[in-house]
């Protein structure tokens, strides 16, 4: 096993094996196994999230999944921003991670956990690309633009920063749908 290339941090010595830069990646089939139950649940109309990968000049890039949402059959007419699972009370489910667990709550929590799990990053990138708002329903999967262009440019890095770090409270036209 290789030794660390960096030998200290805050004047503390670092010794031992070279840490792995990535977690072991799950396959598209494993992702499918996790998301299929959501498509089969009669109360779930559609669900989705936004994902962006932005390569940087270094060996690593930025990977972000956010705005995970779920629309039940009882949520018709509501904007996606109202249906987010983690940020606030979902109109039908309440606080997904604090509510009394039901099968529907468990599936909502599973959706949030799976798409945010970096172990599924390669599968999500393979299926949906480097920048998309993903909408999944029984009728199909629709990929919508998220407004990141020229992913290798400094301007795109600023767009990503603004989109994912600076506008948490603002709604967008996409959120209104």
N, C-alpha and C. Protein backbone atom coordinates (compact mmCIF):
# COMPACT_ATOMS: atom_id res chain seq x y z
N UNK A 1 0.83 -1.18 0.00
CA UNK A 1 0.00 0.00 0.00
C UNK A 1 0.88 1.24 0.00
N UNK A 2 0.41 2.27 -0.71
CA UNK A 2 1.19 3.50 -0.84
C UNK A 2 1.11 4.34 0.42
N UNK A 3 2.16 5.08 0.64
CA UNK A 3 2.19 6.01 1.77
C UNK A 3 1.51 7.30 1.35
N UNK A 4 1.07 8.08 2.34
CA UNK A 4 0.48 9.40 2.07
C UNK A 4 1.47 10.28 1.34
N UNK A 5 0.95 11.09 0.41
CA UNK A 5 1.78 12.10 -0.25
C UNK A 5 1.89 13.33 0.63
N UNK A 6 0.85 13.66 1.35
CA UNK A 6 0.87 14.79 2.27
C UNK A 6 1.35 14.23 3.61
N UNK A 7 2.31 14.88 4.21
CA UNK A 7 2.91 14.32 5.42
C UNK A 7 2.47 14.97 6.71
N UNK A 8 1.80 16.16 6.61
CA UNK A 8 1.33 16.78 7.85
C UNK A 8 0.11 17.66 7.58
N UNK A 9 -0.63 17.91 8.62
CA UNK A 9 -1.79 18.78 8.59
C UNK A 9 -1.85 19.48 9.94
N UNK A 10 -1.83 20.78 9.93
CA UNK A 10 -1.81 21.56 11.18
C UNK A 10 -0.68 21.08 12.11
N UNK A 11 0.46 20.82 11.53
CA UNK A 11 1.66 20.38 12.24
C UNK A 11 1.50 19.01 12.90
N UNK A 12 0.46 18.27 12.52
CA UNK A 12 0.30 16.89 13.00
C UNK A 12 0.81 15.95 11.93
N UNK A 13 1.62 14.96 12.29
CA UNK A 13 2.10 14.03 11.26
C UNK A 13 0.98 13.13 10.75
N UNK A 14 1.02 12.84 9.44
CA UNK A 14 0.08 11.91 8.82
C UNK A 14 0.89 10.70 8.37
N UNK A 15 0.51 9.54 8.82
CA UNK A 15 1.20 8.31 8.43
C UNK A 15 0.16 7.26 8.06
N UNK A 16 0.61 6.18 7.47
CA UNK A 16 -0.30 5.08 7.14
C UNK A 16 -0.53 4.96 5.65
N UNK A 17 -1.63 4.32 5.31
CA UNK A 17 -1.94 4.05 3.90
C UNK A 17 -2.48 5.29 3.20
N UNK A 18 -2.44 5.29 1.90
CA UNK A 18 -3.01 6.36 1.08
C UNK A 18 -4.53 6.22 1.13
N UNK A 19 -5.25 7.28 1.52
CA UNK A 19 -6.71 7.17 1.57
C UNK A 19 -7.29 7.09 0.16
N UNK A 20 -8.37 6.38 0.01
CA UNK A 20 -9.05 6.28 -1.27
C UNK A 20 -9.80 7.57 -1.53
N UNK A 21 -9.63 8.19 -2.72
CA UNK A 21 -10.31 9.46 -2.98
C UNK A 21 -11.80 9.30 -3.27
N UNK A 22 -12.27 8.13 -3.59
CA UNK A 22 -13.67 7.90 -3.94
C UNK A 22 -14.25 6.75 -3.15
N UNK A 23 -15.52 6.81 -2.89
CA UNK A 23 -16.20 5.67 -2.29
C UNK A 23 -16.49 4.67 -3.40
N UNK A 24 -16.65 3.42 -3.05
CA UNK A 24 -16.98 2.40 -4.05
C UNK A 24 -18.31 2.77 -4.71
N UNK A 25 -18.34 2.70 -6.02
CA UNK A 25 -19.52 3.13 -6.76
C UNK A 25 -20.52 1.98 -6.99
N UNK A 26 -21.78 2.33 -6.87
CA UNK A 26 -22.88 1.40 -7.12
C UNK A 26 -23.21 1.42 -8.61
N UNK A 27 -23.85 0.36 -9.06
CA UNK A 27 -24.19 0.23 -10.48
C UNK A 27 -25.56 0.84 -10.78
N UNK A 28 -25.84 1.00 -12.07
CA UNK A 28 -27.16 1.46 -12.51
C UNK A 28 -28.23 0.48 -12.03
N UNK A 29 -27.93 -0.81 -12.06
CA UNK A 29 -28.89 -1.82 -11.61
C UNK A 29 -29.20 -1.66 -10.12
N UNK A 30 -28.18 -1.35 -9.32
CA UNK A 30 -28.42 -1.14 -7.88
C UNK A 30 -29.25 0.12 -7.64
N UNK A 31 -29.00 1.16 -8.44
CA UNK A 31 -29.83 2.37 -8.36
C UNK A 31 -31.27 2.04 -8.72
N UNK A 32 -31.45 1.26 -9.76
CA UNK A 32 -32.79 0.87 -10.20
C UNK A 32 -33.53 0.11 -9.10
N UNK A 33 -32.84 -0.79 -8.42
CA UNK A 33 -33.46 -1.55 -7.32
C UNK A 33 -33.97 -0.63 -6.23
N UNK A 34 -33.25 0.46 -5.98
CA UNK A 34 -33.65 1.40 -4.92
C UNK A 34 -34.81 2.31 -5.35
N UNK A 35 -34.85 2.69 -6.64
CA UNK A 35 -35.87 3.64 -7.09
C UNK A 35 -37.15 2.98 -7.61
N UNK A 36 -37.08 1.73 -8.03
CA UNK A 36 -38.26 1.04 -8.56
C UNK A 36 -39.43 1.02 -7.58
N UNK A 37 -39.22 0.77 -6.28
CA UNK A 37 -40.37 0.78 -5.36
C UNK A 37 -41.12 2.11 -5.34
N UNK A 38 -40.46 3.21 -5.62
CA UNK A 38 -41.15 4.49 -5.66
C UNK A 38 -42.10 4.55 -6.86
N UNK A 39 -41.69 3.98 -7.99
CA UNK A 39 -42.55 3.95 -9.17
C UNK A 39 -43.73 3.01 -8.98
N UNK A 40 -43.56 2.02 -8.13
CA UNK A 40 -44.62 1.02 -7.92
C UNK A 40 -45.62 1.42 -6.84
N UNK A 41 -45.31 2.44 -6.04
CA UNK A 41 -46.21 2.83 -4.96
C UNK A 41 -47.37 3.66 -5.54
N UNK A 42 -48.59 3.24 -5.24
CA UNK A 42 -49.77 3.87 -5.86
C UNK A 42 -49.98 5.33 -5.46
N UNK A 43 -49.43 5.77 -4.35
CA UNK A 43 -49.63 7.16 -3.93
C UNK A 43 -48.58 8.12 -4.47
N UNK A 44 -47.52 7.61 -5.08
CA UNK A 44 -46.47 8.47 -5.62
C UNK A 44 -46.74 8.74 -7.10
N UNK A 45 -46.94 10.03 -7.43
CA UNK A 45 -47.20 10.43 -8.81
C UNK A 45 -45.89 10.64 -9.58
N UNK A 46 -44.95 11.34 -8.96
CA UNK A 46 -43.65 11.60 -9.59
C UNK A 46 -42.67 12.07 -8.53
N UNK A 47 -41.40 12.05 -8.89
CA UNK A 47 -40.36 12.52 -7.98
C UNK A 47 -39.18 12.99 -8.80
N UNK A 48 -38.26 13.69 -8.15
CA UNK A 48 -37.11 14.15 -8.89
C UNK A 48 -36.10 14.86 -8.02
N UNK A 49 -35.07 15.36 -8.69
CA UNK A 49 -33.96 16.06 -8.04
C UNK A 49 -33.18 16.82 -9.10
N UNK A 50 -32.25 17.64 -8.66
CA UNK A 50 -31.34 18.33 -9.55
C UNK A 50 -29.94 17.82 -9.26
N UNK A 51 -29.20 17.50 -10.33
CA UNK A 51 -27.83 17.03 -10.17
C UNK A 51 -26.92 17.82 -11.10
N UNK A 52 -25.74 18.16 -10.59
CA UNK A 52 -24.75 18.88 -11.38
C UNK A 52 -23.37 18.34 -11.03
N UNK A 53 -22.59 18.06 -12.05
CA UNK A 53 -21.18 17.71 -11.88
C UNK A 53 -20.38 18.71 -12.70
N UNK A 54 -19.43 19.33 -12.07
CA UNK A 54 -18.61 20.33 -12.74
C UNK A 54 -17.15 19.95 -12.56
N UNK A 55 -16.48 19.56 -13.65
CA UNK A 55 -15.06 19.22 -13.52
C UNK A 55 -14.24 20.48 -13.24
N UNK A 56 -13.22 20.31 -12.43
CA UNK A 56 -12.30 21.39 -12.15
C UNK A 56 -10.95 21.04 -12.74
N UNK A 57 -10.02 21.95 -12.67
CA UNK A 57 -8.70 21.69 -13.24
C UNK A 57 -7.93 20.64 -12.45
N UNK A 58 -8.29 20.43 -11.19
CA UNK A 58 -7.62 19.41 -10.39
C UNK A 58 -8.19 18.03 -10.75
N UNK A 59 -7.78 17.02 -10.01
CA UNK A 59 -8.27 15.67 -10.26
C UNK A 59 -9.73 15.50 -9.89
N UNK A 60 -10.27 16.40 -9.10
CA UNK A 60 -11.63 16.27 -8.60
C UNK A 60 -12.51 17.38 -9.17
N UNK A 61 -13.78 17.23 -9.01
CA UNK A 61 -14.72 18.24 -9.44
C UNK A 61 -15.75 18.47 -8.35
N UNK A 62 -16.81 19.15 -8.72
CA UNK A 62 -17.90 19.40 -7.80
C UNK A 62 -19.06 18.51 -8.21
N UNK A 63 -19.62 17.79 -7.27
CA UNK A 63 -20.80 16.96 -7.51
C UNK A 63 -21.85 17.39 -6.49
N UNK A 64 -23.03 17.72 -6.97
CA UNK A 64 -24.07 18.15 -6.05
C UNK A 64 -25.41 17.61 -6.50
N UNK A 65 -26.17 17.11 -5.56
CA UNK A 65 -27.56 16.73 -5.77
C UNK A 65 -28.35 17.52 -4.75
N UNK A 66 -29.39 18.19 -5.23
CA UNK A 66 -30.20 18.98 -4.31
C UNK A 66 -31.65 19.05 -4.80
N UNK A 67 -32.47 19.70 -4.01
CA UNK A 67 -33.88 19.89 -4.34
C UNK A 67 -34.57 18.56 -4.65
N UNK A 68 -34.35 17.57 -3.81
CA UNK A 68 -35.02 16.28 -3.96
C UNK A 68 -36.48 16.48 -3.54
N UNK A 69 -37.40 16.07 -4.41
CA UNK A 69 -38.82 16.30 -4.15
C UNK A 69 -39.63 15.06 -4.53
N UNK A 70 -40.83 15.00 -3.99
CA UNK A 70 -41.73 13.87 -4.27
C UNK A 70 -43.16 14.40 -4.30
N UNK A 71 -43.88 14.09 -5.37
CA UNK A 71 -45.28 14.49 -5.52
C UNK A 71 -46.16 13.25 -5.32
N UNK A 72 -47.03 13.33 -4.33
CA UNK A 72 -48.00 12.24 -4.15
C UNK A 72 -49.23 12.56 -4.99
N UNK A 73 -50.15 11.62 -5.08
CA UNK A 73 -51.39 11.87 -5.82
C UNK A 73 -52.23 12.96 -5.15
N UNK A 74 -51.93 13.28 -3.91
CA UNK A 74 -52.66 14.31 -3.16
C UNK A 74 -52.05 15.70 -3.32
N UNK A 75 -50.94 15.82 -4.05
CA UNK A 75 -50.21 17.07 -4.17
C UNK A 75 -50.38 17.75 -5.53
N UNK A 76 -51.40 17.40 -6.28
CA UNK A 76 -51.61 17.98 -7.62
C UNK A 76 -51.67 19.51 -7.51
N UNK A 77 -51.02 20.17 -8.47
CA UNK A 77 -51.04 21.62 -8.53
C UNK A 77 -50.01 22.32 -7.67
N UNK A 78 -49.29 21.61 -6.86
CA UNK A 78 -48.28 22.24 -5.99
C UNK A 78 -46.96 22.38 -6.76
N UNK A 79 -46.25 23.46 -6.47
CA UNK A 79 -44.94 23.70 -7.08
C UNK A 79 -43.92 22.73 -6.47
N UNK A 80 -42.93 22.39 -7.23
CA UNK A 80 -41.89 21.46 -6.75
C UNK A 80 -41.21 21.96 -5.48
N UNK A 81 -41.00 23.26 -5.39
CA UNK A 81 -40.32 23.79 -4.20
C UNK A 81 -41.12 23.48 -2.93
N UNK A 82 -42.43 23.31 -3.04
CA UNK A 82 -43.26 22.96 -1.90
C UNK A 82 -43.15 21.48 -1.55
N UNK A 83 -42.62 20.69 -2.47
CA UNK A 83 -42.59 19.24 -2.32
C UNK A 83 -41.22 18.70 -1.95
N UNK A 84 -40.28 19.59 -1.64
CA UNK A 84 -38.94 19.16 -1.25
C UNK A 84 -39.01 18.33 0.02
N UNK A 85 -38.17 17.33 0.09
CA UNK A 85 -38.25 16.37 1.20
C UNK A 85 -37.47 16.79 2.43
N UNK A 86 -36.37 17.47 2.25
CA UNK A 86 -35.49 17.70 3.39
C UNK A 86 -35.67 19.06 4.03
N UNK A 87 -35.92 20.08 3.25
CA UNK A 87 -35.86 21.45 3.73
C UNK A 87 -37.01 21.85 4.65
N UNK A 88 -38.19 21.42 4.39
CA UNK A 88 -39.34 21.91 5.15
C UNK A 88 -40.43 20.85 5.22
N UNK A 89 -41.56 21.26 5.75
CA UNK A 89 -42.69 20.33 5.83
C UNK A 89 -43.24 20.05 4.44
N UNK A 90 -43.32 18.80 4.09
CA UNK A 90 -43.94 18.38 2.85
C UNK A 90 -45.46 18.47 3.08
N UNK A 91 -46.24 18.97 2.12
CA UNK A 91 -47.66 19.17 2.37
C UNK A 91 -48.44 17.89 2.70
N UNK A 92 -48.00 16.78 2.18
CA UNK A 92 -48.69 15.51 2.45
C UNK A 92 -47.98 14.68 3.52
N UNK A 93 -46.66 14.71 3.51
CA UNK A 93 -45.88 13.83 4.38
C UNK A 93 -45.39 14.49 5.67
N UNK A 94 -45.47 15.82 5.76
CA UNK A 94 -44.90 16.51 6.91
C UNK A 94 -43.37 16.47 6.83
N UNK A 95 -42.72 16.44 7.96
CA UNK A 95 -41.26 16.33 7.98
C UNK A 95 -40.90 14.86 7.80
N UNK A 96 -40.39 14.54 6.63
CA UNK A 96 -40.16 13.15 6.25
C UNK A 96 -39.30 12.40 7.25
N UNK A 97 -38.25 13.04 7.75
CA UNK A 97 -37.31 12.34 8.62
C UNK A 97 -37.69 12.41 10.09
N UNK A 98 -38.76 13.14 10.41
CA UNK A 98 -39.19 13.25 11.80
C UNK A 98 -40.59 12.70 12.01
N UNK A 99 -41.28 12.35 10.93
CA UNK A 99 -42.66 11.88 11.02
C UNK A 99 -42.73 10.43 11.45
N UNK A 100 -43.92 10.04 11.87
CA UNK A 100 -44.14 8.63 12.19
C UNK A 100 -43.95 7.83 10.90
N UNK A 101 -43.10 6.83 10.93
CA UNK A 101 -42.79 6.11 9.70
C UNK A 101 -43.96 5.29 9.17
N UNK A 102 -44.24 5.51 7.91
CA UNK A 102 -45.19 4.70 7.15
C UNK A 102 -44.41 4.20 5.94
N UNK A 103 -44.95 3.26 5.18
CA UNK A 103 -44.23 2.84 3.96
C UNK A 103 -43.94 4.01 3.02
N UNK A 104 -44.85 4.96 2.91
CA UNK A 104 -44.63 6.11 2.04
C UNK A 104 -43.50 7.00 2.58
N UNK A 105 -43.46 7.21 3.88
CA UNK A 105 -42.36 7.98 4.49
C UNK A 105 -41.03 7.28 4.27
N UNK A 106 -41.02 5.97 4.42
CA UNK A 106 -39.78 5.21 4.22
C UNK A 106 -39.28 5.34 2.79
N UNK A 107 -40.18 5.32 1.81
CA UNK A 107 -39.77 5.47 0.41
C UNK A 107 -39.26 6.88 0.14
N UNK A 108 -39.90 7.88 0.73
CA UNK A 108 -39.43 9.26 0.55
C UNK A 108 -38.03 9.42 1.14
N UNK A 109 -37.82 8.87 2.31
CA UNK A 109 -36.49 8.94 2.94
C UNK A 109 -35.47 8.18 2.10
N UNK A 110 -35.86 7.05 1.54
CA UNK A 110 -34.96 6.26 0.69
C UNK A 110 -34.57 7.05 -0.55
N UNK A 111 -35.52 7.74 -1.17
CA UNK A 111 -35.22 8.56 -2.34
C UNK A 111 -34.17 9.60 -1.99
N UNK A 112 -34.40 10.34 -0.92
CA UNK A 112 -33.47 11.39 -0.50
C UNK A 112 -32.08 10.81 -0.24
N UNK A 113 -32.02 9.70 0.46
CA UNK A 113 -30.74 9.11 0.83
C UNK A 113 -29.99 8.54 -0.37
N UNK A 114 -30.71 7.89 -1.28
CA UNK A 114 -30.04 7.25 -2.42
C UNK A 114 -29.47 8.28 -3.39
N UNK A 115 -30.26 9.27 -3.79
CA UNK A 115 -29.74 10.20 -4.80
C UNK A 115 -28.66 11.12 -4.23
N UNK A 116 -28.63 11.30 -2.93
CA UNK A 116 -27.57 12.12 -2.32
C UNK A 116 -26.34 11.30 -1.95
N UNK A 117 -26.43 9.98 -1.99
CA UNK A 117 -25.32 9.11 -1.62
C UNK A 117 -24.27 9.14 -2.72
N UNK A 118 -23.06 9.55 -2.39
CA UNK A 118 -22.00 9.65 -3.40
C UNK A 118 -21.65 8.30 -4.02
N UNK A 119 -22.07 7.21 -3.42
CA UNK A 119 -21.83 5.89 -4.00
C UNK A 119 -22.64 5.68 -5.29
N UNK A 120 -23.69 6.46 -5.49
CA UNK A 120 -24.51 6.34 -6.71
C UNK A 120 -24.14 7.40 -7.74
N UNK A 121 -23.11 8.20 -7.49
CA UNK A 121 -22.73 9.28 -8.39
C UNK A 121 -22.48 8.78 -9.81
N UNK A 122 -21.70 7.73 -9.99
CA UNK A 122 -21.38 7.24 -11.33
C UNK A 122 -22.64 6.78 -12.06
N UNK A 123 -23.53 6.09 -11.37
CA UNK A 123 -24.77 5.62 -11.99
C UNK A 123 -25.64 6.81 -12.40
N UNK A 124 -25.76 7.82 -11.53
CA UNK A 124 -26.56 9.00 -11.85
C UNK A 124 -25.97 9.77 -13.02
N UNK A 125 -24.64 9.89 -13.05
CA UNK A 125 -23.98 10.57 -14.17
C UNK A 125 -24.17 9.80 -15.47
N UNK A 126 -24.04 8.48 -15.41
CA UNK A 126 -24.21 7.66 -16.60
C UNK A 126 -25.61 7.80 -17.17
N UNK A 127 -26.60 7.80 -16.31
CA UNK A 127 -27.99 7.86 -16.76
C UNK A 127 -28.44 9.26 -17.17
N UNK A 128 -28.06 10.27 -16.38
CA UNK A 128 -28.69 11.58 -16.53
C UNK A 128 -27.73 12.72 -16.86
N UNK A 129 -26.43 12.43 -16.97
CA UNK A 129 -25.49 13.44 -17.39
C UNK A 129 -25.00 14.35 -16.28
N UNK A 130 -24.27 15.38 -16.70
CA UNK A 130 -23.57 16.23 -15.73
C UNK A 130 -24.39 17.40 -15.20
N UNK A 131 -25.51 17.70 -15.81
CA UNK A 131 -26.32 18.79 -15.30
C UNK A 131 -27.75 18.66 -15.75
N UNK A 132 -28.63 18.29 -14.83
CA UNK A 132 -30.04 18.12 -15.20
C UNK A 132 -30.93 18.17 -13.97
N UNK A 133 -32.12 18.63 -14.21
CA UNK A 133 -33.18 18.45 -13.24
C UNK A 133 -33.93 17.20 -13.72
N UNK A 134 -33.96 16.18 -12.90
CA UNK A 134 -34.50 14.88 -13.28
C UNK A 134 -35.92 14.76 -12.74
N UNK A 135 -36.86 14.43 -13.61
CA UNK A 135 -38.26 14.23 -13.23
C UNK A 135 -38.64 12.81 -13.62
N UNK A 136 -39.00 11.99 -12.62
CA UNK A 136 -39.30 10.58 -12.85
C UNK A 136 -40.78 10.33 -12.56
N UNK A 137 -41.47 9.71 -13.52
CA UNK A 137 -42.86 9.29 -13.32
C UNK A 137 -43.05 7.96 -14.04
N UNK A 138 -44.21 7.38 -13.89
CA UNK A 138 -44.49 6.12 -14.58
C UNK A 138 -44.49 6.29 -16.10
N UNK A 139 -44.74 7.51 -16.57
CA UNK A 139 -44.78 7.78 -18.00
C UNK A 139 -43.39 7.88 -18.62
N UNK A 140 -42.37 8.15 -17.78
CA UNK A 140 -41.02 8.27 -18.29
C UNK A 140 -40.16 9.18 -17.43
N UNK A 141 -38.97 9.44 -17.91
CA UNK A 141 -38.03 10.31 -17.22
C UNK A 141 -37.74 11.50 -18.12
N UNK A 142 -37.91 12.69 -17.58
CA UNK A 142 -37.66 13.91 -18.32
C UNK A 142 -36.46 14.61 -17.68
N UNK A 143 -35.52 15.01 -18.54
CA UNK A 143 -34.35 15.76 -18.07
C UNK A 143 -34.52 17.21 -18.51
N UNK A 144 -34.47 18.12 -17.54
CA UNK A 144 -34.61 19.54 -17.82
C UNK A 144 -33.29 20.24 -17.56
N UNK A 145 -33.02 21.30 -18.32
CA UNK A 145 -31.77 22.05 -18.14
C UNK A 145 -31.76 22.75 -16.79
N UNK A 146 -30.56 22.90 -16.23
CA UNK A 146 -30.41 23.62 -14.97
C UNK A 146 -29.64 24.92 -15.13
N UNK A 147 -29.30 25.29 -16.36
CA UNK A 147 -28.69 26.59 -16.58
C UNK A 147 -27.19 26.64 -16.40
N UNK A 148 -26.51 25.52 -16.45
CA UNK A 148 -25.05 25.51 -16.39
C UNK A 148 -24.54 25.25 -17.80
N UNK A 149 -23.76 26.19 -18.36
CA UNK A 149 -23.21 25.96 -19.67
C UNK A 149 -21.69 26.02 -19.61
N UNK A 150 -21.05 25.53 -20.63
CA UNK A 150 -19.60 25.48 -20.69
C UNK A 150 -19.00 24.97 -19.39
N UNK A 151 -19.18 23.68 -19.09
CA UNK A 151 -18.80 23.16 -17.78
C UNK A 151 -17.31 23.25 -17.45
N UNK A 152 -16.46 23.52 -18.41
CA UNK A 152 -15.04 23.61 -18.09
C UNK A 152 -14.57 25.05 -17.92
N UNK A 153 -15.48 25.99 -17.88
CA UNK A 153 -15.07 27.39 -17.80
C UNK A 153 -15.17 27.93 -16.38
N UNK A 154 -14.44 28.99 -16.13
CA UNK A 154 -14.51 29.66 -14.83
C UNK A 154 -15.89 30.26 -14.62
N UNK A 155 -16.53 30.72 -15.70
CA UNK A 155 -17.88 31.28 -15.59
C UNK A 155 -18.86 30.22 -15.11
N UNK A 156 -18.70 29.00 -15.60
CA UNK A 156 -19.59 27.92 -15.17
C UNK A 156 -19.40 27.61 -13.69
N UNK A 157 -18.17 27.71 -13.21
CA UNK A 157 -17.93 27.49 -11.79
C UNK A 157 -18.65 28.53 -10.96
N UNK A 158 -18.66 29.78 -11.44
CA UNK A 158 -19.39 30.83 -10.74
C UNK A 158 -20.89 30.60 -10.81
N UNK A 159 -21.39 30.12 -11.97
CA UNK A 159 -22.81 29.79 -12.09
C UNK A 159 -23.20 28.70 -11.11
N UNK A 160 -22.35 27.69 -11.02
CA UNK A 160 -22.62 26.59 -10.10
C UNK A 160 -22.66 27.10 -8.66
N UNK A 161 -21.70 27.92 -8.32
CA UNK A 161 -21.66 28.46 -6.97
C UNK A 161 -22.93 29.25 -6.68
N UNK A 162 -23.36 30.08 -7.62
CA UNK A 162 -24.57 30.87 -7.43
C UNK A 162 -25.80 29.98 -7.36
N UNK A 163 -25.85 28.99 -8.23
CA UNK A 163 -27.02 28.11 -8.29
C UNK A 163 -27.16 27.25 -7.05
N UNK A 164 -26.06 26.70 -6.57
CA UNK A 164 -26.15 25.72 -5.50
C UNK A 164 -25.72 26.22 -4.13
N UNK A 165 -25.12 27.37 -4.05
CA UNK A 165 -24.66 27.83 -2.74
C UNK A 165 -25.25 29.17 -2.36
N UNK A 166 -25.62 29.98 -3.33
CA UNK A 166 -26.03 31.32 -3.01
C UNK A 166 -27.51 31.60 -3.10
N UNK A 167 -28.30 30.75 -3.74
CA UNK A 167 -29.70 31.06 -3.96
C UNK A 167 -30.63 30.14 -3.20
N UNK A 168 -30.26 29.67 -2.07
CA UNK A 168 -31.06 28.69 -1.35
C UNK A 168 -32.49 29.14 -1.11
N UNK A 169 -32.72 30.43 -0.86
CA UNK A 169 -34.06 30.89 -0.55
C UNK A 169 -34.87 31.32 -1.76
N UNK A 170 -34.22 31.54 -2.91
CA UNK A 170 -34.93 32.03 -4.08
C UNK A 170 -35.60 30.90 -4.83
N UNK A 171 -36.74 31.19 -5.41
CA UNK A 171 -37.37 30.21 -6.28
C UNK A 171 -36.97 30.52 -7.71
N UNK A 172 -37.02 29.51 -8.55
CA UNK A 172 -36.69 29.68 -9.95
C UNK A 172 -37.91 29.31 -10.77
N UNK A 173 -37.86 29.62 -12.06
CA UNK A 173 -38.97 29.24 -12.94
C UNK A 173 -39.19 27.73 -12.90
N UNK A 174 -38.09 26.97 -12.86
CA UNK A 174 -38.20 25.51 -12.80
C UNK A 174 -38.92 25.06 -11.53
N UNK A 175 -38.68 25.74 -10.40
CA UNK A 175 -39.33 25.39 -9.16
C UNK A 175 -40.83 25.61 -9.21
N UNK A 176 -41.28 26.54 -10.05
CA UNK A 176 -42.69 26.87 -10.11
C UNK A 176 -43.51 25.77 -10.77
N UNK A 177 -42.85 24.91 -11.57
CA UNK A 177 -43.57 23.85 -12.28
C UNK A 177 -44.00 22.75 -11.36
